[in-house]
Amino acid sequence: MKKRGNITWHLSTVSKDDRLLLNGHKSCVLWFTGLSGSGKSTLANAVDQILFQESYRSYVLDGDNIRHGLNRDLSFLPKDRNENIRRIGEVAKLFVDSGQIVCTAFISPFLEDRELVRKMFEPGEFIEIYLNCPIYVCEDRDPKGLYKRARKGEILEFTGVSSPYETPINPEIIIDSDKMTIEQSVEKVIRYLKDKKIL
């Protein structure tokens, strides 16, 4: 048992392997990353819908939703952005331990943060999915009007405008979301999961 001060890690009576056997599939985190407007939430939910329809255990953790609750105390300054991603990594790990496929839709702009989360998981459980989309396309979409506000200086530390986005070096999956349809993108993700014997 791991100990940290007066806190001891307690092993569950029902193991992750038990849950995977019951579910009939492996668990993992699908870590969707990319600029605002690149299509992360749309694709994460579309993949989740297919998984649900095929009776796989899955769930979506969305950046905006998490900031309404768990991470409502965090700003968008670099230190808080680091903590935002660390917390999400810990929550995603709980979902994976419970035997589920968890889709996370977060900009997660920094390489170091994404690598920190990757190290929380066993090999093959962290699947980084980079939604590659030119910023001008994201700005043209701008579903929440955020780029427009950022360009006016109304939003500080906005990724792609006043704060950097560090492109993944070797993601498991690249989705060119300005060229691929949502159906093609979903099919690419599902095919990867089947090729890796997760499904």
Protein backbone atom coordinates (compact mmCIF):
# COMPACT_ATOMS: atom_id res chain seq x y z
CA MET A 1 0.00 0.00 0.00
CA LYS A 2 1.22 3.51 -0.84
CA LYS A 3 1.50 5.93 2.05
CA ARG A 4 1.69 9.71 2.01
CA GLY A 5 1.96 11.22 5.47
CA ASN A 6 -1.02 9.94 7.43
CA ILE A 7 -2.89 8.99 4.26
CA THR A 8 -2.88 5.40 2.99
CA TRP A 9 -3.97 4.24 -0.48
CA HIS A 10 -6.68 1.60 -0.17
CA LEU A 11 -7.00 -1.04 -2.85
CA SER A 12 -10.51 -1.69 -4.16
CA THR A 13 -12.09 -5.09 -3.58
CA VAL A 14 -13.23 -5.04 -7.21
CA SER A 15 -10.18 -4.51 -9.43
CA LYS A 16 -9.86 -2.71 -12.75
CA ASP A 17 -9.32 -6.08 -14.43
CA ASP A 18 -12.60 -7.30 -12.92
CA ARG A 19 -14.41 -4.31 -14.38
CA LEU A 20 -12.78 -4.73 -17.80
CA LEU A 21 -13.85 -8.37 -17.87
CA LEU A 22 -17.43 -7.39 -17.00
CA ASN A 23 -17.48 -4.61 -19.61
CA GLY A 24 -15.94 -6.71 -22.35
CA HIS A 25 -13.52 -3.97 -23.44
CA LYS A 26 -10.41 -2.18 -22.21
CA SER A 27 -10.45 1.30 -20.68
CA CYS A 28 -8.50 4.37 -21.76
CA VAL A 29 -8.57 8.14 -22.00
CA LEU A 30 -9.09 9.77 -25.38
CA TRP A 31 -7.37 13.12 -24.83
CA PHE A 32 -8.71 15.54 -27.46
CA THR A 33 -6.47 18.61 -27.70
CA GLY A 34 -6.40 21.60 -30.05
CA LEU A 35 -7.27 25.25 -30.38
CA SER A 36 -10.63 26.65 -29.35
CA GLY A 37 -12.98 26.04 -32.28
CA SER A 38 -11.00 23.09 -33.65
CA GLY A 39 -13.88 20.71 -32.90
CA LYS A 40 -12.75 18.90 -29.74
CA SER A 41 -16.10 18.83 -27.94
CA THR A 42 -18.01 18.02 -31.11
CA LEU A 43 -15.77 15.07 -31.93
CA ALA A 44 -15.55 13.83 -28.32
CA ASN A 45 -19.34 13.73 -28.09
CA ALA A 46 -19.71 12.11 -31.50
CA VAL A 47 -17.26 9.36 -30.52
CA ASP A 48 -19.03 8.94 -27.18
CA GLN A 49 -22.37 8.55 -28.97
CA ILE A 50 -21.02 5.74 -31.17
CA LEU A 51 -19.46 4.00 -28.16
CA PHE A 52 -22.76 4.27 -26.28
CA GLN A 53 -24.75 2.91 -29.22
CA GLU A 54 -22.39 -0.08 -29.36
CA SER A 55 -22.80 -0.70 -25.60
CA TYR A 56 -19.31 0.39 -24.54
CA ARG A 57 -18.89 2.18 -21.20
CA SER A 58 -17.84 5.76 -21.90
CA TYR A 59 -18.14 9.34 -20.67
CA VAL A 60 -17.20 12.85 -21.84
CA LEU A 61 -15.32 15.35 -19.67
CA ASP A 62 -15.69 18.75 -21.33
CA GLY A 63 -13.49 21.75 -20.53
CA ASP A 64 -16.31 24.27 -20.08
CA ASN A 65 -18.39 21.89 -17.99
CA ILE A 66 -15.52 21.09 -15.63
CA ARG A 67 -14.88 24.79 -15.08
CA HIS A 68 -18.49 25.19 -13.95
CA GLY A 69 -17.86 22.85 -11.02
CA LEU A 70 -14.66 21.02 -10.11
CA ASN A 71 -12.34 23.74 -11.43
CA ARG A 72 -14.51 26.81 -10.94
CA ASP A 73 -11.84 28.26 -8.61
CA LEU A 74 -9.18 28.35 -11.35
CA SER A 75 -8.31 31.25 -13.66
CA PHE A 76 -6.75 31.03 -17.13
CA LEU A 77 -3.31 32.17 -15.98
CA PRO A 78 -0.54 29.62 -16.70
CA LYS A 79 -0.28 28.28 -13.12
CA ASP A 80 -4.03 27.67 -12.90
CA ARG A 81 -4.10 26.17 -16.39
CA ASN A 82 -1.48 23.67 -15.22
CA GLU A 83 -3.62 22.79 -12.19
CA ASN A 84 -6.74 22.54 -14.38
CA ILE A 85 -5.11 19.87 -16.52
CA ARG A 86 -3.58 18.05 -13.54
CA ARG A 87 -7.00 17.74 -11.89
CA ILE A 88 -8.58 16.54 -15.13
CA GLY A 89 -5.84 13.94 -15.45
CA GLU A 90 -6.63 12.66 -11.96
CA VAL A 91 -10.37 12.52 -12.70
CA ALA A 92 -9.75 10.79 -16.04
CA LYS A 93 -7.59 8.22 -14.25
CA LEU A 94 -10.49 7.42 -11.91
CA PHE A 95 -12.74 6.84 -14.92
CA VAL A 96 -10.14 4.57 -16.53
CA ASP A 97 -9.72 2.66 -13.26
CA SER A 98 -13.52 2.20 -13.22
CA GLY A 99 -13.26 0.47 -16.61
CA GLN A 100 -14.57 3.24 -18.83
CA ILE A 101 -13.39 4.98 -21.98
CA VAL A 102 -13.26 8.66 -21.07
CA CYS A 103 -13.21 11.36 -23.74
CA THR A 104 -11.64 14.61 -22.52
CA ALA A 105 -12.10 17.79 -24.54
CA PHE A 106 -9.63 20.41 -23.30
CA ILE A 107 -7.38 22.84 -25.13
CA SER A 108 -4.54 21.70 -22.81
CA PRO A 109 -2.09 23.97 -24.64
CA PHE A 110 1.17 22.98 -22.94
CA LEU A 111 3.29 19.93 -23.82
CA GLU A 112 4.54 19.57 -20.26
CA ASP A 113 1.00 19.34 -18.86
CA ARG A 114 -0.07 16.72 -21.37
CA GLU A 115 3.05 14.66 -20.69
CA LEU A 116 2.40 14.91 -16.95
CA VAL A 117 -1.06 13.43 -17.50
CA ARG A 118 0.27 10.73 -19.85
CA LYS A 119 2.58 9.51 -17.07
CA MET A 120 -0.45 8.93 -14.79
CA PHE A 121 -1.57 6.06 -17.04
CA GLU A 122 -0.35 2.64 -17.97
CA PRO A 123 1.16 2.25 -21.47
CA GLY A 124 -1.54 2.39 -24.14
CA GLU A 125 -4.18 3.94 -21.86
CA PHE A 126 -3.49 7.59 -22.80
CA ILE A 127 -4.43 8.32 -26.40
CA GLU A 128 -3.63 11.85 -27.47
CA ILE A 129 -5.85 13.06 -30.31
CA TYR A 130 -4.68 16.30 -31.88
CA LEU A 131 -7.29 18.28 -33.77
CA ASN A 132 -5.13 20.04 -36.29
CA CYS A 133 -6.96 23.11 -37.55
CA PRO A 134 -5.54 26.43 -38.80
CA ILE A 135 -6.28 29.30 -36.46
CA TYR A 136 -7.99 31.27 -39.23
CA VAL A 137 -10.52 28.43 -39.60
CA CYS A 138 -11.05 28.31 -35.83
CA GLU A 139 -11.55 32.08 -35.81
CA ASP A 140 -13.97 31.86 -38.71
CA ARG A 141 -16.00 29.26 -36.82
CA ASP A 142 -15.65 31.03 -33.44
CA PRO A 143 -18.83 29.38 -32.06
CA LYS A 144 -18.63 31.25 -28.74
CA GLY A 145 -17.32 34.57 -30.06
CA LEU A 146 -14.17 34.15 -27.99
CA TYR A 147 -11.60 35.00 -30.67
CA LYS A 148 -13.39 38.24 -31.44
CA ARG A 149 -13.32 39.19 -27.75
CA ALA A 150 -9.70 38.12 -27.40
CA ARG A 151 -8.68 40.26 -30.38
CA LYS A 152 -10.35 43.23 -28.68
CA GLY A 153 -8.38 42.54 -25.51
CA GLU A 154 -11.48 41.57 -23.56
CA ILE A 155 -10.09 38.07 -22.82
CA LEU A 156 -6.52 37.80 -21.57
CA GLU A 157 -4.28 34.71 -21.87
CA PHE A 158 -6.35 33.35 -24.76
CA THR A 159 -4.72 30.40 -26.52
CA GLY A 160 -3.63 31.17 -30.06
CA VAL A 161 -3.99 34.93 -29.60
CA SER A 162 -2.24 36.08 -26.40
CA SER A 163 -1.10 32.69 -25.07
CA PRO A 164 0.72 29.92 -26.98
CA TYR A 165 -0.51 26.51 -28.07
CA GLU A 166 2.25 23.90 -28.13
CA THR A 167 1.55 21.40 -30.90
CA PRO A 168 1.76 17.72 -29.89
CA ILE A 169 5.04 16.13 -30.97
CA ASN A 170 3.90 12.55 -31.47
CA PRO A 171 0.14 12.18 -30.87
CA GLU A 172 -1.48 8.79 -31.35
CA ILE A 173 -4.07 10.29 -33.71
CA ILE A 174 -4.14 13.46 -35.82
CA ILE A 175 -7.48 14.77 -37.05
CA ASP A 176 -7.31 17.47 -39.73
CA SER A 177 -10.63 18.91 -38.66
CA ASP A 178 -10.71 21.56 -41.38
CA LYS A 179 -10.59 18.84 -44.04
CA MET A 180 -12.25 15.78 -42.51
CA THR A 181 -15.97 15.39 -41.90
CA ILE A 182 -17.16 14.52 -38.41
CA GLU A 183 -18.06 11.04 -39.71
CA GLN A 184 -14.55 10.50 -41.09
CA SER A 185 -13.03 11.75 -37.84
CA VAL A 186 -15.15 9.44 -35.69
CA GLU A 187 -14.36 6.49 -37.94
CA LYS A 188 -10.61 7.19 -37.60
CA VAL A 189 -10.82 7.19 -33.79
CA ILE A 190 -12.98 4.05 -33.61
CA ARG A 191 -10.70 2.25 -36.06
CA TYR A 192 -7.69 3.08 -33.89
CA LEU A 193 -9.45 1.68 -30.79
CA LYS A 194 -10.28 -1.52 -32.64
CA ASP A 195 -6.77 -1.86 -34.10
CA LYS A 196 -5.31 -1.52 -30.59
CA LYS A 197 -7.77 -4.15 -29.27
CA ILE A 198 -9.33 -1.66 -26.84
CA LEU A 199 -12.73 -2.43 -28.36
